[in-house]
N, C-alpha and C. Protein backbone atom coordinates (compact mmCIF):
# COMPACT_ATOMS: atom_id res chain seq x y z
N MET A 1 6.45 9.54 -7.45
CA MET A 1 6.98 10.42 -8.46
C MET A 1 6.14 10.34 -9.73
N ALA A 2 5.65 9.14 -10.06
CA ALA A 2 4.79 9.02 -11.25
C ALA A 2 3.51 9.84 -11.06
N ALA A 3 2.97 9.84 -9.84
CA ALA A 3 1.76 10.61 -9.57
C ALA A 3 1.99 12.10 -9.72
N ASP A 4 3.23 12.53 -9.55
CA ASP A 4 3.57 13.94 -9.70
C ASP A 4 3.95 14.31 -11.12
N GLY A 5 3.86 13.35 -12.06
CA GLY A 5 4.18 13.61 -13.45
C GLY A 5 5.67 13.68 -13.74
N ALA A 6 6.48 13.06 -12.90
CA ALA A 6 7.94 13.13 -13.04
C ALA A 6 8.47 12.23 -14.16
N PHE A 7 7.67 11.34 -14.69
CA PHE A 7 8.14 10.40 -15.70
C PHE A 7 7.37 10.58 -17.01
N CYS A 8 8.07 10.40 -18.12
CA CYS A 8 7.39 10.43 -19.41
C CYS A 8 6.96 9.03 -19.82
N GLU A 9 7.46 8.00 -19.14
CA GLU A 9 7.19 6.60 -19.44
C GLU A 9 7.54 5.78 -18.20
N VAL A 10 6.79 4.73 -17.95
CA VAL A 10 7.11 3.82 -16.86
C VAL A 10 7.27 2.43 -17.46
N LEU A 11 8.38 1.78 -17.15
CA LEU A 11 8.60 0.39 -17.50
C LEU A 11 8.58 -0.40 -16.20
N ASP A 12 7.62 -1.25 -16.03
CA ASP A 12 7.48 -2.05 -14.81
C ASP A 12 7.67 -3.51 -15.20
N PHE A 13 8.87 -4.01 -14.96
CA PHE A 13 9.20 -5.37 -15.37
C PHE A 13 9.13 -6.37 -14.23
N SER A 14 8.60 -5.97 -13.09
CA SER A 14 8.42 -6.90 -11.98
C SER A 14 7.09 -6.63 -11.31
N LEU A 15 6.24 -7.62 -11.31
CA LEU A 15 4.96 -7.51 -10.62
C LEU A 15 5.02 -8.18 -9.26
N GLN A 16 6.24 -8.32 -8.74
CA GLN A 16 6.46 -8.97 -7.45
C GLN A 16 5.67 -8.29 -6.34
N GLU A 17 5.62 -6.96 -6.34
CA GLU A 17 4.89 -6.26 -5.28
C GLU A 17 3.40 -6.57 -5.34
N LEU A 18 2.85 -6.71 -6.54
CA LEU A 18 1.44 -7.08 -6.67
C LEU A 18 1.23 -8.51 -6.19
N ALA A 19 2.11 -9.43 -6.60
CA ALA A 19 2.02 -10.83 -6.14
C ALA A 19 2.16 -10.89 -4.62
N ASN A 20 3.07 -10.12 -4.06
CA ASN A 20 3.24 -10.09 -2.60
C ASN A 20 1.99 -9.56 -1.91
N HIS A 21 1.44 -8.47 -2.44
CA HIS A 21 0.24 -7.89 -1.82
C HIS A 21 -0.91 -8.89 -1.84
N LEU A 22 -1.16 -9.49 -2.99
CA LEU A 22 -2.27 -10.44 -3.10
C LEU A 22 -2.00 -11.74 -2.35
N GLY A 23 -0.71 -12.08 -2.18
CA GLY A 23 -0.34 -13.31 -1.48
C GLY A 23 -0.18 -13.15 0.02
N GLY A 24 -0.40 -11.95 0.55
CA GLY A 24 -0.31 -11.72 1.98
C GLY A 24 1.10 -11.67 2.52
N SER A 25 2.06 -11.31 1.69
CA SER A 25 3.46 -11.24 2.12
C SER A 25 3.69 -10.10 3.10
N VAL A 26 4.70 -10.27 3.94
CA VAL A 26 5.12 -9.19 4.83
C VAL A 26 5.95 -8.17 4.05
N VAL A 27 6.37 -8.52 2.85
CA VAL A 27 7.16 -7.63 1.98
C VAL A 27 6.24 -7.17 0.86
N ALA A 28 5.54 -6.07 1.09
CA ALA A 28 4.60 -5.58 0.09
C ALA A 28 4.53 -4.06 0.15
N ALA A 29 4.22 -3.49 -0.99
CA ALA A 29 4.11 -2.04 -1.10
C ALA A 29 2.68 -1.56 -0.90
N GLY A 30 1.78 -2.46 -0.52
CA GLY A 30 0.39 -2.08 -0.35
C GLY A 30 -0.40 -2.31 -1.62
N PRO A 31 -1.58 -1.72 -1.70
CA PRO A 31 -2.49 -2.01 -2.81
C PRO A 31 -2.20 -1.22 -4.10
N GLY A 32 -1.13 -0.43 -4.15
CA GLY A 32 -0.91 0.47 -5.27
C GLY A 32 -0.27 -0.04 -6.54
N PRO A 33 0.44 -1.17 -6.57
CA PRO A 33 1.12 -1.56 -7.80
C PRO A 33 0.19 -1.62 -9.01
N LEU A 34 0.69 -1.11 -10.13
CA LEU A 34 0.00 -1.05 -11.41
C LEU A 34 -1.19 -0.09 -11.42
N THR A 35 -1.18 0.90 -10.57
CA THR A 35 -2.30 1.84 -10.55
C THR A 35 -1.90 3.27 -10.90
N VAL A 36 -0.75 3.72 -10.44
CA VAL A 36 -0.41 5.15 -10.53
C VAL A 36 -0.16 5.61 -11.96
N ALA A 37 0.72 4.94 -12.68
CA ALA A 37 1.02 5.38 -14.06
C ALA A 37 -0.24 5.38 -14.91
N GLY A 38 -1.02 4.32 -14.81
CA GLY A 38 -2.25 4.25 -15.59
C GLY A 38 -3.23 5.34 -15.23
N HIS A 39 -3.39 5.60 -13.94
CA HIS A 39 -4.30 6.64 -13.48
C HIS A 39 -3.88 8.02 -13.99
N CYS A 40 -2.57 8.25 -14.05
CA CYS A 40 -2.05 9.55 -14.47
C CYS A 40 -1.97 9.69 -15.99
N GLY A 41 -2.20 8.60 -16.71
CA GLY A 41 -2.10 8.66 -18.16
C GLY A 41 -0.68 8.51 -18.68
N THR A 42 0.25 8.19 -17.79
CA THR A 42 1.64 7.99 -18.20
C THR A 42 1.74 6.68 -18.98
N PRO A 43 2.30 6.71 -20.18
CA PRO A 43 2.46 5.45 -20.92
C PRO A 43 3.27 4.45 -20.10
N HIS A 44 2.85 3.19 -20.13
CA HIS A 44 3.64 2.21 -19.39
C HIS A 44 3.66 0.85 -20.09
N ILE A 45 4.85 0.27 -20.02
CA ILE A 45 5.10 -1.07 -20.53
C ILE A 45 5.31 -1.95 -19.32
N VAL A 46 4.54 -3.01 -19.24
CA VAL A 46 4.56 -3.91 -18.09
C VAL A 46 5.03 -5.28 -18.57
N ALA A 47 5.90 -5.90 -17.80
CA ALA A 47 6.30 -7.28 -18.07
C ALA A 47 5.93 -8.12 -16.86
N ALA A 48 5.56 -9.33 -17.12
CA ALA A 48 5.06 -10.22 -16.07
C ALA A 48 6.20 -10.82 -15.26
N GLY A 49 7.06 -9.99 -14.72
CA GLY A 49 8.19 -10.47 -13.94
C GLY A 49 7.79 -10.87 -12.54
N ALA A 50 8.24 -12.04 -12.11
CA ALA A 50 8.06 -12.55 -10.74
C ALA A 50 6.60 -12.64 -10.32
N VAL A 51 5.70 -12.89 -11.27
CA VAL A 51 4.29 -13.02 -10.92
C VAL A 51 3.98 -14.35 -10.23
N ASP A 52 4.93 -15.26 -10.26
CA ASP A 52 4.67 -16.61 -9.76
C ASP A 52 5.22 -16.87 -8.36
N THR A 53 5.75 -15.84 -7.70
CA THR A 53 6.32 -16.05 -6.37
C THR A 53 5.80 -15.03 -5.37
N VAL A 54 5.85 -15.43 -4.10
CA VAL A 54 5.49 -14.54 -2.99
C VAL A 54 6.65 -14.59 -1.99
N ASP A 55 7.09 -13.42 -1.54
CA ASP A 55 8.17 -13.36 -0.56
C ASP A 55 7.63 -13.68 0.83
N VAL A 56 8.40 -14.50 1.55
CA VAL A 56 8.03 -14.91 2.90
C VAL A 56 9.26 -14.77 3.79
N PRO A 57 9.06 -14.62 5.10
CA PRO A 57 10.21 -14.61 5.99
C PRO A 57 10.93 -15.96 5.92
N ALA A 58 12.22 -15.95 5.75
CA ALA A 58 12.98 -17.19 5.55
C ALA A 58 12.95 -18.09 6.78
N ARG A 59 12.87 -17.53 7.97
CA ARG A 59 12.93 -18.36 9.18
C ARG A 59 11.57 -18.68 9.77
N ALA A 60 10.50 -18.20 9.16
CA ALA A 60 9.16 -18.50 9.66
C ALA A 60 8.51 -19.54 8.77
N SER A 61 7.50 -20.17 9.28
CA SER A 61 6.79 -21.13 8.44
C SER A 61 5.93 -20.36 7.45
N ALA A 62 5.82 -20.90 6.26
CA ALA A 62 5.03 -20.26 5.21
C ALA A 62 3.55 -20.39 5.52
N SER A 63 2.76 -19.52 4.91
CA SER A 63 1.31 -19.60 5.09
C SER A 63 0.81 -20.92 4.52
N ALA A 64 -0.41 -21.26 4.84
CA ALA A 64 -0.99 -22.53 4.36
C ALA A 64 -0.99 -22.58 2.84
N LEU A 65 -1.18 -21.44 2.17
CA LEU A 65 -1.19 -21.42 0.71
C LEU A 65 0.18 -21.72 0.10
N LEU A 66 1.24 -21.47 0.85
CA LEU A 66 2.59 -21.63 0.30
C LEU A 66 3.37 -22.76 0.95
N ALA A 67 2.80 -23.41 1.95
CA ALA A 67 3.55 -24.39 2.75
C ALA A 67 4.15 -25.52 1.93
N ASP A 68 3.46 -26.01 0.93
CA ASP A 68 3.95 -27.14 0.14
C ASP A 68 4.57 -26.71 -1.18
N ARG A 69 4.79 -25.44 -1.36
CA ARG A 69 5.30 -24.93 -2.63
C ARG A 69 6.83 -24.86 -2.59
N PRO A 70 7.47 -25.05 -3.75
CA PRO A 70 8.93 -24.89 -3.80
C PRO A 70 9.33 -23.47 -3.39
N ALA A 71 10.46 -23.35 -2.71
CA ALA A 71 10.92 -22.04 -2.24
C ALA A 71 12.42 -21.89 -2.49
N HIS A 72 12.83 -20.63 -2.53
CA HIS A 72 14.24 -20.29 -2.69
C HIS A 72 14.57 -19.21 -1.66
N SER A 73 15.61 -19.41 -0.87
CA SER A 73 16.02 -18.40 0.11
C SER A 73 16.96 -17.40 -0.55
N HIS A 74 16.56 -16.14 -0.52
CA HIS A 74 17.42 -15.08 -1.04
C HIS A 74 18.57 -14.80 -0.07
N ASN A 75 18.21 -14.77 1.20
CA ASN A 75 19.17 -14.49 2.26
C ASN A 75 18.56 -15.02 3.56
N ARG A 76 19.15 -14.69 4.69
CA ARG A 76 18.66 -15.24 5.95
C ARG A 76 17.32 -14.64 6.38
N LEU A 77 16.87 -13.58 5.69
CA LEU A 77 15.61 -12.93 6.06
C LEU A 77 14.45 -13.25 5.13
N ILE A 78 14.72 -13.33 3.83
CA ILE A 78 13.65 -13.43 2.84
C ILE A 78 13.82 -14.66 1.96
N ALA A 79 12.72 -15.35 1.73
CA ALA A 79 12.65 -16.45 0.77
C ALA A 79 11.47 -16.18 -0.16
N SER A 80 11.48 -16.80 -1.32
CA SER A 80 10.35 -16.71 -2.24
C SER A 80 9.79 -18.10 -2.45
N ALA A 81 8.48 -18.22 -2.36
CA ALA A 81 7.80 -19.49 -2.61
C ALA A 81 6.92 -19.32 -3.84
N THR A 82 6.83 -20.37 -4.66
CA THR A 82 5.99 -20.28 -5.84
C THR A 82 4.53 -20.30 -5.43
N SER A 83 3.73 -19.55 -6.16
CA SER A 83 2.29 -19.54 -5.92
C SER A 83 1.66 -20.73 -6.63
N ALA A 84 0.62 -21.25 -6.05
CA ALA A 84 -0.16 -22.30 -6.70
C ALA A 84 -0.90 -21.67 -7.89
N PRO A 85 -1.43 -22.48 -8.78
CA PRO A 85 -2.11 -21.92 -9.96
C PRO A 85 -3.23 -20.94 -9.64
N GLU A 86 -4.05 -21.20 -8.64
CA GLU A 86 -5.17 -20.29 -8.34
C GLU A 86 -4.70 -18.89 -7.98
N PRO A 87 -3.71 -18.72 -7.09
CA PRO A 87 -3.22 -17.36 -6.85
C PRO A 87 -2.60 -16.72 -8.09
N CYS A 88 -1.96 -17.50 -8.94
CA CYS A 88 -1.41 -16.94 -10.19
C CYS A 88 -2.53 -16.42 -11.08
N GLN A 89 -3.66 -17.13 -11.11
CA GLN A 89 -4.81 -16.66 -11.88
C GLN A 89 -5.38 -15.38 -11.29
N ARG A 90 -5.41 -15.29 -9.95
CA ARG A 90 -5.89 -14.07 -9.30
C ARG A 90 -4.98 -12.88 -9.63
N ILE A 91 -3.68 -13.12 -9.65
CA ILE A 91 -2.73 -12.06 -10.01
C ILE A 91 -2.97 -11.64 -11.46
N ALA A 92 -3.23 -12.59 -12.34
CA ALA A 92 -3.52 -12.27 -13.74
C ALA A 92 -4.78 -11.42 -13.86
N HIS A 93 -5.84 -11.80 -13.17
CA HIS A 93 -7.09 -11.04 -13.25
C HIS A 93 -6.91 -9.62 -12.68
N THR A 94 -6.17 -9.50 -11.59
CA THR A 94 -5.92 -8.18 -11.00
C THR A 94 -5.07 -7.34 -11.95
N THR A 95 -4.07 -7.95 -12.57
CA THR A 95 -3.25 -7.24 -13.55
C THR A 95 -4.12 -6.71 -14.68
N ALA A 96 -5.00 -7.56 -15.22
CA ALA A 96 -5.88 -7.15 -16.31
C ALA A 96 -6.80 -6.01 -15.88
N GLU A 97 -7.36 -6.11 -14.68
CA GLU A 97 -8.26 -5.05 -14.17
C GLU A 97 -7.53 -3.72 -14.05
N ARG A 98 -6.31 -3.76 -13.54
CA ARG A 98 -5.57 -2.51 -13.34
C ARG A 98 -5.12 -1.92 -14.66
N LEU A 99 -4.69 -2.75 -15.60
CA LEU A 99 -4.30 -2.23 -16.90
C LEU A 99 -5.50 -1.66 -17.65
N ALA A 100 -6.70 -2.20 -17.42
CA ALA A 100 -7.91 -1.71 -18.08
C ALA A 100 -8.24 -0.28 -17.66
N ARG A 101 -7.78 0.13 -16.49
CA ARG A 101 -8.06 1.48 -16.00
C ARG A 101 -7.07 2.53 -16.52
N ALA A 102 -6.09 2.10 -17.29
CA ALA A 102 -5.05 3.02 -17.76
C ALA A 102 -5.66 4.12 -18.63
N GLN A 103 -5.23 5.33 -18.38
CA GLN A 103 -5.68 6.49 -19.14
C GLN A 103 -4.73 6.82 -20.30
N GLY A 104 -3.63 6.12 -20.39
CA GLY A 104 -2.66 6.33 -21.46
C GLY A 104 -2.30 5.00 -22.09
N PRO A 105 -1.36 5.00 -23.01
CA PRO A 105 -0.95 3.76 -23.66
C PRO A 105 -0.39 2.75 -22.66
N SER A 106 -0.76 1.49 -22.83
CA SER A 106 -0.21 0.43 -21.99
C SER A 106 0.04 -0.80 -22.85
N CYS A 107 1.07 -1.54 -22.46
CA CYS A 107 1.46 -2.74 -23.19
C CYS A 107 1.95 -3.77 -22.19
N LEU A 108 1.40 -4.97 -22.25
CA LEU A 108 1.85 -6.06 -21.39
C LEU A 108 2.72 -6.99 -22.22
N GLN A 109 3.93 -7.24 -21.73
CA GLN A 109 4.86 -8.18 -22.35
C GLN A 109 4.80 -9.48 -21.57
N LEU A 110 4.46 -10.58 -22.23
CA LEU A 110 4.36 -11.88 -21.57
C LEU A 110 5.53 -12.77 -21.98
N PRO A 111 6.47 -13.02 -21.07
CA PRO A 111 7.55 -13.96 -21.36
C PRO A 111 7.05 -15.39 -21.17
N LEU A 112 7.14 -16.21 -22.17
CA LEU A 112 6.56 -17.56 -22.12
C LEU A 112 7.51 -18.62 -21.60
N ARG A 113 8.79 -18.26 -21.39
CA ARG A 113 9.76 -19.27 -20.93
C ARG A 113 10.25 -19.05 -19.51
N GLY A 114 9.66 -18.10 -18.81
CA GLY A 114 10.04 -17.88 -17.42
C GLY A 114 9.98 -16.42 -17.05
N VAL A 115 9.77 -16.18 -15.74
CA VAL A 115 9.51 -14.81 -15.30
C VAL A 115 10.41 -14.32 -14.17
N GLU A 116 11.36 -15.16 -13.74
CA GLU A 116 12.28 -14.72 -12.70
C GLU A 116 13.53 -15.60 -12.70
N GLN A 117 14.53 -15.17 -12.00
CA GLN A 117 15.84 -15.80 -12.06
C GLN A 117 15.85 -17.27 -11.68
N TRP A 118 14.97 -17.69 -10.79
CA TRP A 118 15.03 -19.05 -10.27
C TRP A 118 14.05 -20.00 -10.96
N ASP A 119 13.52 -19.61 -12.13
CA ASP A 119 12.61 -20.53 -12.83
C ASP A 119 13.13 -21.00 -14.19
N TRP A 120 14.43 -20.85 -14.41
CA TRP A 120 15.04 -21.45 -15.59
C TRP A 120 14.93 -22.97 -15.46
N PRO A 121 14.98 -23.72 -16.57
CA PRO A 121 14.95 -25.18 -16.46
C PRO A 121 16.01 -25.69 -15.49
N GLY A 122 15.58 -26.54 -14.57
CA GLY A 122 16.48 -27.12 -13.58
C GLY A 122 16.66 -26.29 -12.33
N GLU A 123 16.15 -25.07 -12.30
CA GLU A 123 16.26 -24.21 -11.12
C GLU A 123 15.14 -24.55 -10.12
N PRO A 124 15.31 -24.18 -8.84
CA PRO A 124 14.38 -24.62 -7.80
C PRO A 124 12.94 -24.11 -7.94
N LEU A 125 12.72 -23.02 -8.65
CA LEU A 125 11.37 -22.47 -8.75
C LEU A 125 10.77 -22.62 -10.15
N GLN A 126 11.34 -23.46 -10.97
CA GLN A 126 10.75 -23.67 -12.29
C GLN A 126 9.35 -24.25 -12.09
N ASP A 127 8.35 -23.56 -12.62
CA ASP A 127 6.96 -23.96 -12.40
C ASP A 127 6.14 -23.64 -13.64
N PRO A 128 6.26 -24.46 -14.69
CA PRO A 128 5.50 -24.19 -15.92
C PRO A 128 3.99 -24.10 -15.68
N GLU A 129 3.47 -24.89 -14.75
CA GLU A 129 2.04 -24.86 -14.46
C GLU A 129 1.64 -23.49 -13.88
N GLY A 130 2.43 -22.97 -12.97
CA GLY A 130 2.15 -21.66 -12.40
C GLY A 130 2.24 -20.55 -13.44
N LEU A 131 3.23 -20.64 -14.32
CA LEU A 131 3.37 -19.63 -15.38
C LEU A 131 2.15 -19.68 -16.30
N GLN A 132 1.73 -20.87 -16.69
CA GLN A 132 0.55 -20.98 -17.56
C GLN A 132 -0.71 -20.49 -16.86
N ALA A 133 -0.78 -20.65 -15.55
CA ALA A 133 -1.94 -20.16 -14.79
C ALA A 133 -2.03 -18.65 -14.86
N PHE A 134 -0.90 -17.98 -15.07
CA PHE A 134 -0.92 -16.53 -15.26
C PHE A 134 -1.16 -16.19 -16.73
N VAL A 135 -0.46 -16.85 -17.63
CA VAL A 135 -0.52 -16.52 -19.06
C VAL A 135 -1.92 -16.75 -19.64
N MET A 136 -2.54 -17.87 -19.31
CA MET A 136 -3.82 -18.21 -19.94
C MET A 136 -4.90 -17.15 -19.71
N PRO A 137 -5.12 -16.65 -18.50
CA PRO A 137 -6.14 -15.61 -18.33
C PRO A 137 -5.79 -14.30 -19.04
N MET A 138 -4.50 -14.06 -19.27
CA MET A 138 -4.10 -12.83 -19.95
C MET A 138 -4.49 -12.88 -21.43
N ARG A 139 -4.45 -14.06 -22.01
CA ARG A 139 -4.84 -14.22 -23.43
C ARG A 139 -6.34 -13.96 -23.56
N GLY A 140 -6.66 -12.89 -24.19
CA GLY A 140 -8.06 -12.55 -24.38
C GLY A 140 -8.72 -11.91 -23.18
N GLY A 141 -8.02 -11.83 -22.05
CA GLY A 141 -8.61 -11.27 -20.84
C GLY A 141 -8.30 -9.81 -20.61
N LEU A 142 -7.51 -9.23 -21.51
CA LEU A 142 -7.14 -7.82 -21.35
C LEU A 142 -8.11 -6.92 -22.10
N ASP A 143 -8.27 -5.73 -21.59
CA ASP A 143 -9.02 -4.71 -22.29
C ASP A 143 -8.36 -4.51 -23.66
N PRO A 144 -9.14 -4.34 -24.72
CA PRO A 144 -8.55 -4.20 -26.06
C PRO A 144 -7.60 -3.01 -26.20
N ARG A 145 -7.71 -2.03 -25.31
CA ARG A 145 -6.79 -0.87 -25.39
C ARG A 145 -5.40 -1.21 -24.89
N THR A 146 -5.26 -2.31 -24.14
CA THR A 146 -3.95 -2.75 -23.66
C THR A 146 -3.37 -3.73 -24.68
N ARG A 147 -2.26 -3.36 -25.24
CA ARG A 147 -1.60 -4.24 -26.19
C ARG A 147 -0.90 -5.37 -25.40
N CYS A 148 -1.07 -6.60 -25.87
CA CYS A 148 -0.43 -7.74 -25.23
C CYS A 148 0.49 -8.40 -26.26
N ILE A 149 1.75 -8.55 -25.89
CA ILE A 149 2.72 -9.18 -26.77
C ILE A 149 3.34 -10.36 -26.05
N GLU A 150 3.12 -11.55 -26.60
CA GLU A 150 3.74 -12.74 -26.05
C GLU A 150 5.12 -12.88 -26.66
N ARG A 151 6.08 -13.21 -25.82
CA ARG A 151 7.47 -13.39 -26.26
C ARG A 151 7.91 -14.80 -25.93
N ASP A 152 8.39 -15.53 -26.93
CA ASP A 152 8.91 -16.87 -26.71
C ASP A 152 10.34 -16.75 -26.17
N ALA A 153 10.41 -16.24 -24.95
CA ALA A 153 11.70 -15.96 -24.32
C ALA A 153 11.50 -15.93 -22.81
N HIS A 154 12.60 -15.99 -22.10
CA HIS A 154 12.62 -15.79 -20.65
C HIS A 154 12.73 -14.29 -20.40
N ILE A 155 12.16 -13.81 -19.31
CA ILE A 155 12.19 -12.38 -19.03
C ILE A 155 13.62 -11.84 -18.91
N ASN A 156 14.57 -12.70 -18.54
CA ASN A 156 15.96 -12.26 -18.40
C ASN A 156 16.77 -12.42 -19.68
N ASP A 157 16.15 -12.85 -20.77
CA ASP A 157 16.85 -12.94 -22.06
C ASP A 157 17.03 -11.55 -22.65
N ASP A 158 18.18 -11.33 -23.25
CA ASP A 158 18.41 -10.05 -23.94
C ASP A 158 17.33 -9.78 -24.99
N ALA A 159 16.92 -10.84 -25.70
CA ALA A 159 15.91 -10.67 -26.75
C ALA A 159 14.59 -10.14 -26.18
N PHE A 160 14.23 -10.57 -24.97
CA PHE A 160 13.00 -10.08 -24.36
C PHE A 160 13.11 -8.59 -24.06
N CYS A 161 14.21 -8.19 -23.47
CA CYS A 161 14.41 -6.77 -23.14
C CYS A 161 14.49 -5.92 -24.40
N ASP A 162 15.20 -6.40 -25.40
CA ASP A 162 15.30 -5.65 -26.66
C ASP A 162 13.94 -5.46 -27.31
N ALA A 163 13.10 -6.50 -27.28
CA ALA A 163 11.77 -6.40 -27.87
C ALA A 163 10.89 -5.40 -27.12
N ALA A 164 10.99 -5.40 -25.81
CA ALA A 164 10.22 -4.44 -25.01
C ALA A 164 10.68 -3.01 -25.31
N LEU A 165 11.97 -2.83 -25.46
CA LEU A 165 12.49 -1.49 -25.79
C LEU A 165 12.08 -1.05 -27.19
N GLN A 166 11.82 -2.00 -28.07
CA GLN A 166 11.31 -1.65 -29.40
C GLN A 166 9.93 -1.02 -29.30
N VAL A 167 9.11 -1.50 -28.36
CA VAL A 167 7.80 -0.90 -28.13
C VAL A 167 7.99 0.54 -27.66
N PHE A 168 8.90 0.73 -26.70
CA PHE A 168 9.19 2.07 -26.20
C PHE A 168 9.64 2.98 -27.35
N SER A 169 10.57 2.51 -28.16
CA SER A 169 11.08 3.32 -29.28
C SER A 169 9.96 3.67 -30.26
N ALA A 170 9.08 2.73 -30.52
CA ALA A 170 7.96 3.01 -31.43
C ALA A 170 7.04 4.06 -30.83
N TRP A 171 6.80 3.99 -29.52
CA TRP A 171 5.96 4.99 -28.86
C TRP A 171 6.60 6.37 -28.93
N VAL A 172 7.91 6.43 -28.77
CA VAL A 172 8.61 7.71 -28.90
C VAL A 172 8.44 8.24 -30.31
N ALA A 173 8.69 7.39 -31.30
CA ALA A 173 8.58 7.81 -32.70
C ALA A 173 7.16 8.27 -33.04
N ASP A 174 6.16 7.64 -32.43
CA ASP A 174 4.76 8.00 -32.69
C ASP A 174 4.29 9.19 -31.86
N GLY A 175 5.16 9.71 -30.98
CA GLY A 175 4.79 10.85 -30.15
C GLY A 175 3.98 10.49 -28.92
N LEU A 176 3.84 9.21 -28.61
CA LEU A 176 3.07 8.80 -27.43
C LEU A 176 3.85 9.02 -26.13
N VAL A 177 5.19 9.02 -26.24
CA VAL A 177 6.04 9.28 -25.09
C VAL A 177 6.66 10.66 -25.31
N PRO A 178 6.23 11.63 -24.52
CA PRO A 178 6.76 12.99 -24.69
C PRO A 178 8.15 13.11 -24.06
N LEU A 179 9.15 13.30 -24.87
CA LEU A 179 10.51 13.46 -24.34
C LEU A 179 10.79 14.93 -24.07
N GLY A 180 11.60 15.18 -23.09
CA GLY A 180 11.97 16.55 -22.74
C GLY A 180 11.22 17.03 -21.52
N ALA A 181 11.54 18.21 -21.09
CA ALA A 181 10.94 18.79 -19.89
C ALA A 181 9.47 19.14 -20.14
N PRO A 182 8.60 18.94 -19.13
CA PRO A 182 7.19 19.28 -19.29
C PRO A 182 6.98 20.79 -19.39
């Protein structure tokens, strides 16, 4: 739908499909995440949601890259395993490359206290090392046309969502997001 110009703005708060694609998951949308809105010039706000996990079949053994990583079972079919730092860095570099190709406004929101439901302190997927492996390459690694805003919050905090919506509201006020029918 974004390729058809159906949206005036795209908010992508989960990069899980990109992490799954790069991590070899059976649950993936293919090579397209973070490409369509940018290619079409549609303004987009991206948040680094779920960049630290890869979905795996819950009843199968995990790949060698994920075998020793903490995991959380969503249900009897799907589990998520944390990525090691190197795959998190690869996801960061791919994110930066795709955002650099954007033909319209783009903004990356980086939550510094966690990126998914199971990485709160004390939760099974809390992985500060994996999160830093994503955050560090993003600092200074983005094309200057992509605005990067670090938030001292968890992605599921109201404050994080409110701050991201402030970017959207500012873009509307500045005329970067065209409201109304095309």
